[in-house]
C-alpha atoms as a PDB file:
ATOM      1  CA  MET A   1      86.425  80.940 136.810  1.00  0.00           C
ATOM      2  CA  SER A   2      86.881  85.013 137.605  1.00  0.00           C
ATOM      3  CA  PRO A   3      84.042  86.792 139.622  1.00  0.00           C
ATOM      4  CA  GLY A   4      81.546  88.005 137.060  1.00  0.00           C
ATOM      5  CA  LEU A   5      82.291  86.223 133.705  1.00  0.00           C
ATOM      6  CA  GLU A   6      80.924  82.670 135.176  1.00  0.00           C
ATOM      7  CA  TYR A   7      78.561  83.660 132.249  1.00  0.00           C
ATOM      8  CA  LEU A   8      80.548  83.583 129.653  1.00  0.00           C
ATOM      9  CA  SER A   9      81.894  80.274 130.554  1.00  0.00           C
ATOM     10  CA  LEU A  10      81.372  76.838 128.624  1.00  0.00           C
ATOM     11  CA  LEU A  11      83.149  75.505 131.550  1.00  0.00           C
ATOM     12  CA  GLY A  12      80.689  76.514 134.048  1.00  0.00           C
ATOM     13  CA  SER A  13      77.747  76.048 132.621  1.00  0.00           C
ATOM     14  CA  ASN A  14      75.125  72.956 134.133  1.00  0.00           C
ATOM     15  CA  ALA A  15      74.214  73.075 130.173  1.00  0.00           C
ATOM     16  CA  PHE A  16      76.916  72.445 128.794  1.00  0.00           C
ATOM     17  CA  ALA A  17      78.738  70.071 130.937  1.00  0.00           C
ATOM     18  CA  ASP A  18      74.865  67.845 130.189  1.00  0.00           C
ATOM     19  CA  LEU A  19      75.589  68.139 126.830  1.00  0.00           C
ATOM     20  CA  LEU A  20      79.181  66.536 126.951  1.00  0.00           C
ATOM     21  CA  ASP A  21      78.035  63.770 128.843  1.00  0.00           C
ATOM     22  CA  GLN A  22      75.152  62.781 125.717  1.00  0.00           C
ATOM     23  CA  MET A  23      77.695  63.274 123.295  1.00  0.00           C
ATOM     24  CA  PRO A  24      81.290  61.849 122.049  1.00  0.00           C
ATOM     25  CA  HIS A  25      83.792  63.719 123.014  1.00  0.00           C
ATOM     26  CA  ARG A  26      87.918  63.666 123.495  1.00  0.00           C
ATOM     27  CA  VAL A  27      90.384  65.678 125.987  1.00  0.00           C
ATOM     28  CA  LEU A  28      93.835  66.153 124.394  1.00  0.00           C
ATOM     29  CA  LYS A  29      96.501  67.695 126.261  1.00  0.00           C
ATOM     30  CA  LEU A  30      98.903  69.807 124.292  1.00  0.00           C
ATOM     31  CA  ASP A  31     102.882  71.248 124.461  1.00  0.00           C
ATOM     32  CA  ARG A  32     103.472  74.823 124.202  1.00  0.00           C
ATOM     33  CA  ARG A  33     103.559  75.997 120.610  1.00  0.00           C
ATOM     34  CA  ARG A  34     101.613  72.829 119.507  1.00  0.00           C
ATOM     35  CA  ILE A  35      99.344  73.223 116.192  1.00  0.00           C
ATOM     36  CA  LEU A  36      96.324  71.461 117.144  1.00  0.00           C
ATOM     37  CA  ARG A  37      94.571  72.599 113.526  1.00  0.00           C
ATOM     38  CA  GLU A  38      96.441  74.006 110.432  1.00  0.00           C
ATOM     39  CA  PRO A  39      95.032  76.869 107.802  1.00  0.00           C
ATOM     40  CA  GLY A  40      92.816  75.455 105.406  1.00  0.00           C
ATOM     41  CA  SER A  41      91.556  72.296 107.286  1.00  0.00           C
ATOM     42  CA  PRO A  42      87.871  71.367 108.049  1.00  0.00           C
ATOM     43  CA  PRO A  43      86.338  72.945 111.062  1.00  0.00           C
ATOM     44  CA  ASP A  44      84.232  69.855 111.767  1.00  0.00           C
ATOM     45  CA  GLU A  45      84.731  70.063 115.493  1.00  0.00           C
ATOM     46  CA  VAL A  46      83.837  72.267 118.435  1.00  0.00           C
ATOM     47  CA  ILE A  47      87.300  72.979 120.333  1.00  0.00           C
ATOM     48  CA  LEU A  48      86.674  73.663 124.060  1.00  0.00           C
ATOM     49  CA  ALA A  49      89.567  75.448 125.888  1.00  0.00           C
ATOM     50  CA  LYS A  50      89.604  73.357 129.126  1.00  0.00           C
ATOM     51  CA  ALA A  51      92.836  74.907 130.585  1.00  0.00           C
ATOM     52  CA  GLY A  52      95.643  76.687 128.871  1.00  0.00           C
ATOM     53  CA  ILE A  53      95.235  79.497 126.022  1.00  0.00           C
ATOM     54  CA  LEU A  54      94.566  79.132 122.821  1.00  0.00           C
ATOM     55  CA  SER A  55      96.119  81.114 119.471  1.00  0.00           C
ATOM     56  CA  MET A  56      93.714  81.472 116.142  1.00  0.00           C
ATOM     57  CA  PHE A  57      95.957  82.135 113.226  1.00  0.00           C
ATOM     58  CA  GLN A  58      96.156  83.190 109.989  1.00  0.00           C
ATOM     59  CA  ALA A  59      99.861  83.039 107.950  1.00  0.00           C
ATOM     60  CA  HIS A  60     100.758  85.370 105.449  1.00  0.00           C
ATOM     61  CA  GLY A  61     104.410  85.687 103.506  1.00  0.00           C
ATOM     62  CA  SER A  62     106.275  87.803 106.004  1.00  0.00           C
ATOM     63  CA  GLY A  63     105.040  85.592 108.910  1.00  0.00           C
ATOM     64  CA  ARG A  64     101.549  85.589 110.296  1.00  0.00           C
ATOM     65  CA  GLN A  65      98.985  86.970 112.379  1.00  0.00           C
ATOM     66  CA  THR A  66      96.877  85.893 115.406  1.00  0.00           C
ATOM     67  CA  VAL A  67      93.500  87.028 114.929  1.00  0.00           C
ATOM     68  CA  ALA A  68      91.942  85.997 118.200  1.00  0.00           C
ATOM     69  CA  LEU A  69      92.748  84.166 121.794  1.00  0.00           C
ATOM     70  CA  ARG A  70      90.749  81.537 123.206  1.00  0.00           C
ATOM     71  CA  TYR A  71      91.121  81.443 127.343  1.00  0.00           C
ATOM     72  CA  ALA A  72      89.293  78.361 129.735  1.00  0.00           C
ATOM     73  CA  GLY A  73      86.018  77.912 128.735  1.00  0.00           C
ATOM     74  CA  GLU A  74      86.258  79.768 125.945  1.00  0.00           C
ATOM     75  CA  ALA A  75      85.296  77.653 122.649  1.00  0.00           C
ATOM     76  CA  ILE A  76      86.297  77.755 118.906  1.00  0.00           C
ATOM     77  CA  LEU A  77      82.858  76.907 116.806  1.00  0.00           C
ATOM     78  CA  PRO A  78      82.779  74.466 114.177  1.00  0.00           C
ATOM     79  CA  GLY A  79      82.067  76.067 110.249  1.00  0.00           C
ATOM     80  CA  SER A  80      81.147  74.980 106.916  1.00  0.00           C
ATOM     81  CA  ASP A  81      83.350  75.406 105.162  1.00  0.00           C
ATOM     82  CA  SER A  82      87.248  74.700 105.338  1.00  0.00           C
ATOM     83  CA  ALA A  83      88.928  77.491 108.032  1.00  0.00           C
ATOM     84  CA  ARG A  84      91.124  80.274 107.188  1.00  0.00           C
ATOM     85  CA  TYR A  85      92.754  79.973 110.415  1.00  0.00           C
ATOM     86  CA  GLY A  86      94.661  77.598 112.423  1.00  0.00           C
ATOM     87  CA  VAL A  87      94.534  77.263 115.774  1.00  0.00           C
ATOM     88  CA  GLN A  88      97.567  76.553 118.136  1.00  0.00           C
ATOM     89  CA  ALA A  89      98.418  76.469 121.499  1.00  0.00           C
ATOM     90  CA  ILE A  90     100.270  79.592 123.651  1.00  0.00           C
ATOM     91  CA  VAL A  91     101.257  77.259 126.778  1.00  0.00           C
ATOM     92  CA  PRO A  92     100.555  74.067 127.765  1.00  0.00           C
ATOM     93  CA  SER A  93      96.869  73.393 127.247  1.00  0.00           C
ATOM     94  CA  GLU A  94      93.978  71.047 127.591  1.00  0.00           C
ATOM     95  CA  VAL A  95      91.139  70.766 125.331  1.00  0.00           C
ATOM     96  CA  ILE A  96      87.531  69.007 124.777  1.00  0.00           C
ATOM     97  CA  LEU A  97      86.852  67.853 121.524  1.00  0.00           C
ATOM     98  CA  ALA A  98      83.319  67.075 120.265  1.00  0.00           C
ATOM     99  CA  GLU A  99      81.961  66.073 116.640  1.00  0.00           C
ATOM    100  CA  ALA A 100      80.212  69.438 115.085  1.00  0.00           C
ATOM    101  CA  GLY A 101      77.238  67.306 114.134  1.00  0.00           C
ATOM    102  CA  ALA A 102      76.698  65.719 117.145  1.00  0.00           C
ATOM    103  CA  PHE A 103      77.751  69.052 119.325  1.00  0.00           C
ATOM    104  CA  CYS A 104      75.149  71.247 116.810  1.00  0.00           C
ATOM    105  CA  GLN A 105      72.205  68.825 117.394  1.00  0.00           C
ATOM    106  CA  LEU A 106      71.970  68.656 121.112  1.00  0.00           C
ATOM    107  CA  VAL A 107      73.039  72.430 121.077  1.00  0.00           C
ATOM    108  CA  ASP A 108      69.263  72.718 118.842  1.00  0.00           C
ATOM    109  CA  GLY A 109      67.883  71.021 121.493  1.00  0.00           C
ATOM    110  CA  SER A 110      68.618  73.549 124.684  1.00  0.00           C
ATOM    111  CA  SER A 111      67.586  76.297 124.597  1.00  0.00           C
ATOM    112  CA  GLU A 112      70.030  77.968 127.398  1.00  0.00           C
ATOM    113  CA  MET A 113      72.712  76.398 125.435  1.00  0.00           C
ATOM    114  CA  ARG A 114      72.113  78.342 122.379  1.00  0.00           C
ATOM    115  CA  ARG A 115      71.581  81.801 124.715  1.00  0.00           C
ATOM    116  CA  LEU A 116      75.190  80.713 126.613  1.00  0.00           C
ATOM    117  CA  LEU A 117      76.604  80.726 122.762  1.00  0.00           C
ATOM    118  CA  ILE A 118      75.056  83.784 121.498  1.00  0.00           C
ATOM    119  CA  ARG A 119      76.652  85.516 124.201  1.00  0.00           C
ATOM    120  CA  GLN A 120      79.716  83.656 123.584  1.00  0.00           C
ATOM    121  CA  MET A 121      79.375  84.611 119.975  1.00  0.00           C
ATOM    122  CA  GLN A 122      78.361  89.077 120.666  1.00  0.00           C
ATOM    123  CA  ARG A 123      81.451  88.709 123.008  1.00  0.00           C
ATOM    124  CA  ASN A 124      83.999  87.289 120.706  1.00  0.00           C
ATOM    125  CA  GLU A 125      83.026  89.737 118.013  1.00  0.00           C
ATOM    126  CA  ALA A 126      83.194  92.990 120.147  1.00  0.00           C
ATOM    127  CA  ILE A 127      86.938  91.803 120.543  1.00  0.00           C
ATOM    128  CA  CYS A 128      87.625  91.079 117.107  1.00  0.00           C
ATOM    129  CA  TYR A 129      86.048  94.787 116.099  1.00  0.00           C
ATOM    130  CA  GLU A 130      87.983  96.313 119.228  1.00  0.00           C
ATOM    131  CA  TRP A 131      91.553  94.433 117.763  1.00  0.00           C
ATOM    132  CA  LEU A 132      90.522  95.617 114.437  1.00  0.00           C
ATOM    133  CA  VAL A 133      90.896  99.405 116.219  1.00  0.00           C
ATOM    134  CA  ASN A 134      94.175  98.183 117.998  1.00  0.00           C
ATOM    135  CA  CYS A 135      95.848  97.303 114.942  1.00  0.00           C
ATOM    136  CA  GLY A 136      94.767 100.178 112.396  1.00  0.00           C
ATOM    137  CA  ARG A 137      94.661 103.130 114.499  1.00  0.00           C
ATOM    138  CA  ARG A 138      96.632 102.974 117.503  1.00  0.00           C
ATOM    139  CA  ASP A 139     100.408 103.626 117.628  1.00  0.00           C
ATOM    140  CA  ALA A 140     102.831 101.034 118.702  1.00  0.00           C
ATOM    141  CA  THR A 141     102.629 102.188 122.669  1.00  0.00           C
ATOM    142  CA  ALA A 142      99.121 102.351 122.742  1.00  0.00           C
ATOM    143  CA  ARG A 143      99.053  98.899 121.028  1.00  0.00           C
ATOM    144  CA  VAL A 144     100.881  97.067 123.541  1.00  0.00           C
ATOM    145  CA  ALA A 145      99.344  98.688 126.498  1.00  0.00           C
ATOM    146  CA  HIS A 146      95.415  97.642 125.009  1.00  0.00           C
ATOM    147  CA  PHE A 147      96.807  94.153 124.817  1.00  0.00           C
ATOM    148  CA  LEU A 148      98.214  94.199 128.545  1.00  0.00           C
ATOM    149  CA  CYS A 149      94.845  95.612 129.666  1.00  0.00           C
ATOM    150  CA  GLU A 150      92.694  93.034 128.207  1.00  0.00           C
ATOM    151  CA  THR A 151      94.666  90.314 128.811  1.00  0.00           C
ATOM    152  CA  ALA A 152      94.917  91.150 132.886  1.00  0.00           C
ATOM    153  CA  PHE A 153      90.689  91.797 132.400  1.00  0.00           C
ATOM    154  CA  ARG A 154      90.386  88.567 130.432  1.00  0.00           C
ATOM    155  CA  LEU A 155      92.264  86.593 132.760  1.00  0.00           C
ATOM    156  CA  GLY A 156      91.064  88.227 136.552  1.00  0.00           C
ATOM    157  CA  GLY A 157      88.208  89.393 135.698  1.00  0.00           C
ATOM    158  CA  GLY A 158      89.352  93.079 136.170  1.00  0.00           C
ATOM    159  CA  THR A 159      92.219  95.664 137.200  1.00  0.00           C
ATOM    160  CA  LYS A 160      94.986  93.784 138.774  1.00  0.00           C
ATOM    161  CA  ALA A 161      97.890  94.164 140.914  1.00  0.00           C
ATOM    162  CA  ARG A 162      99.988  92.182 138.942  1.00  0.00           C
ATOM    163  CA  MET A 163      99.689  89.306 136.101  1.00  0.00           C
ATOM    164  CA  LEU A 164     101.709  86.173 135.346  1.00  0.00           C
ATOM    165  CA  ASN A 165     102.639  87.126 131.173  1.00  0.00           C
ATOM    166  CA  ARG A 166     102.529  84.281 129.487  1.00  0.00           C
ATOM    167  CA  PHE A 167     103.037  85.184 126.514  1.00  0.00           C
ATOM    168  CA  THR A 168     106.744  86.192 123.870  1.00  0.00           C
ATOM    169  CA  GLN A 169     107.304  89.108 122.717  1.00  0.00           C
ATOM    170  CA  GLN A 170     107.106  87.844 119.500  1.00  0.00           C
ATOM    171  CA  GLN A 171     103.308  86.196 120.208  1.00  0.00           C
ATOM    172  CA  MET A 172     102.574  89.611 121.355  1.00  0.00           C
ATOM    173  CA  GLY A 173     103.946  91.239 118.109  1.00  0.00           C
ATOM    174  CA  GLU A 174     101.665  88.872 116.299  1.00  0.00           C
ATOM    175  CA  ILE A 175      98.527  89.708 118.189  1.00  0.00           C
ATOM    176  CA  THR A 176      99.412  93.280 117.833  1.00  0.00           C
ATOM    177  CA  GLY A 177     101.352  93.636 114.668  1.00  0.00           C
ATOM    178  CA  GLN A 178     104.272  94.672 115.030  1.00  0.00           C
ATOM    179  CA  THR A 179     107.830  93.248 115.586  1.00  0.00           C
ATOM    180  CA  SER A 180     109.121  91.524 118.410  1.00  0.00           C
ATOM    181  CA  VAL A 181     111.593  93.892 118.853  1.00  0.00           C
ATOM    182  CA  ASN A 182     108.827  96.599 118.816  1.00  0.00           C
ATOM    183  CA  VAL A 183     107.067  95.080 121.204  1.00  0.00           C
ATOM    184  CA  ASN A 184     110.384  95.038 123.666  1.00  0.00           C
ATOM    185  CA  ARG A 185     111.113  98.882 122.984  1.00  0.00           C
ATOM    186  CA  VAL A 186     107.536  99.698 123.836  1.00  0.00           C
ATOM    187  CA  LEU A 187     107.595  97.445 127.072  1.00  0.00           C
ATOM    188  CA  ALA A 188     110.651  99.321 128.008  1.00  0.00           C
ATOM    189  CA  GLU A 189     109.382 102.524 127.705  1.00  0.00           C
ATOM    190  CA  LEU A 190     106.153 102.123 130.129  1.00  0.00           C
ATOM    191  CA  GLU A 191     108.090 100.563 132.293  1.00  0.00           C
ATOM    192  CA  ARG A 192     110.491 103.622 132.014  1.00  0.00           C
ATOM    193  CA  GLN A 193     107.256 105.773 132.945  1.00  0.00           C
ATOM    194  CA  ASN A 194     106.618 103.825 135.827  1.00  0.00           C
ATOM    195  CA  LEU A 195     103.140 102.527 134.425  1.00  0.00           C
ATOM    196  CA  ILE A 196     104.593  98.732 134.502  1.00  0.00           C
ATOM    197  CA  THR A 197     107.560  96.231 136.144  1.00  0.00           C
ATOM    198  CA  ARG A 198     108.510  93.472 135.000  1.00  0.00           C
ATOM    199  CA  LYS A 199     110.169  90.554 137.352  1.00  0.00           C
ATOM    200  CA  GLY A 200     110.938  87.840 134.948  1.00  0.00           C
ATOM    201  CA  ARG A 201     107.474  86.712 133.141  1.00  0.00           C
ATOM    202  CA  GLU A 202     105.499  88.416 136.181  1.00  0.00           C
ATOM    203  CA  ILE A 203     103.850  92.409 135.186  1.00  0.00           C
ATOM    204  CA  GLU A 204     103.360  94.801 138.415  1.00  0.00           C
ATOM    205  CA  PHE A 205     100.816  97.164 137.288  1.00  0.00           C
ATOM    206  CA  ARG A 206     102.136 100.614 138.582  1.00  0.00           C
ATOM    207  CA  ASP A 207      99.477 103.085 137.699  1.00  0.00           C
ATOM    208  CA  TRP A 208      96.290 101.368 135.737  1.00  0.00           C
ATOM    209  CA  SER A 209      94.496 104.036 135.170  1.00  0.00           C
ATOM    210  CA  GLU A 210      97.375 105.639 133.171  1.00  0.00           C
ATOM    211  CA  LEU A 211      98.011 102.402 131.568  1.00  0.00           C
ATOM    212  CA  CYS A 212      93.684 102.412 130.513  1.00  0.00           C
ATOM    213  CA  ARG A 213      94.228 105.601 129.090  1.00  0.00           C
ATOM    214  CA  ILE A 214      97.165 105.144 127.409  1.00  0.00           C
ATOM    215  CA  ALA A 215      95.459 102.356 125.803  1.00  0.00           C
ATOM    216  CA  SER A 216      92.079 103.897 124.918  1.00  0.00           C
ATOM    217  CA  PHE A 217      90.531 100.483 127.239  1.00  0.00           C
ATOM    218  CA  ARG A 218      86.909 100.335 128.309  1.00  0.00           C
ATOM    219  CA  PRO A 219      86.583  96.524 129.480  1.00  0.00           C
ATOM    220  CA  ASP A 220      82.792  97.324 128.434  1.00  0.00           C
ATOM    221  CA  TYR A 221      83.194  95.005 125.536  1.00  0.00           C
ATOM    222  CA  LEU A 222      84.447  91.940 127.177  1.00  0.00           C
ATOM    223  CA  ARG A 223      80.804  91.526 128.921  1.00  0.00           C
ATOM    224  CA  ALA A 224      79.013  91.969 125.918  1.00  0.00           C
END
């Protein structure tokens, strides 16, 4: 797990490991693009991403919008009503599933686990607010630049010289609220400006500071 982000990882928590030993759970491997939960399904299980990346999405008339992502060590918590979002694997992933009632009962008895979940929920809320601003107020270039910066930070715990981009341009469009054609044009423009270099799925950051400036990216919200 990335340095400095261990306190946000359920997988890195002794409290969560102890909880798993006490409650029934199952491990499920998902192929790339496999849908785990359809929109409208009852959110009666906690879903923990053990490996890979999960997408939470909502469908609409002209396509769909990715509303959140969960990386390894992050969870999708159960709710009381049917979920308005679906859950899909972005890449081959592995998840831990546990029944909501048993999970909630055990969490009620663990103050350490409650504190960890509160931190995760606060961080998820901060990310949602940032995504709302990204899709609502930033232009196409800033949206993609911001997504690249956030992804590099969430995967690596800070700035990196390069990053393996696990997302297709269509998926990046579903995250940033634009078409895959627009995403392709933006990536080409960032490359033309010598801000990034692409080699297959690998992205090299040539000028991290300038990319962050264009994106208005400040990583403090990821440490919430």
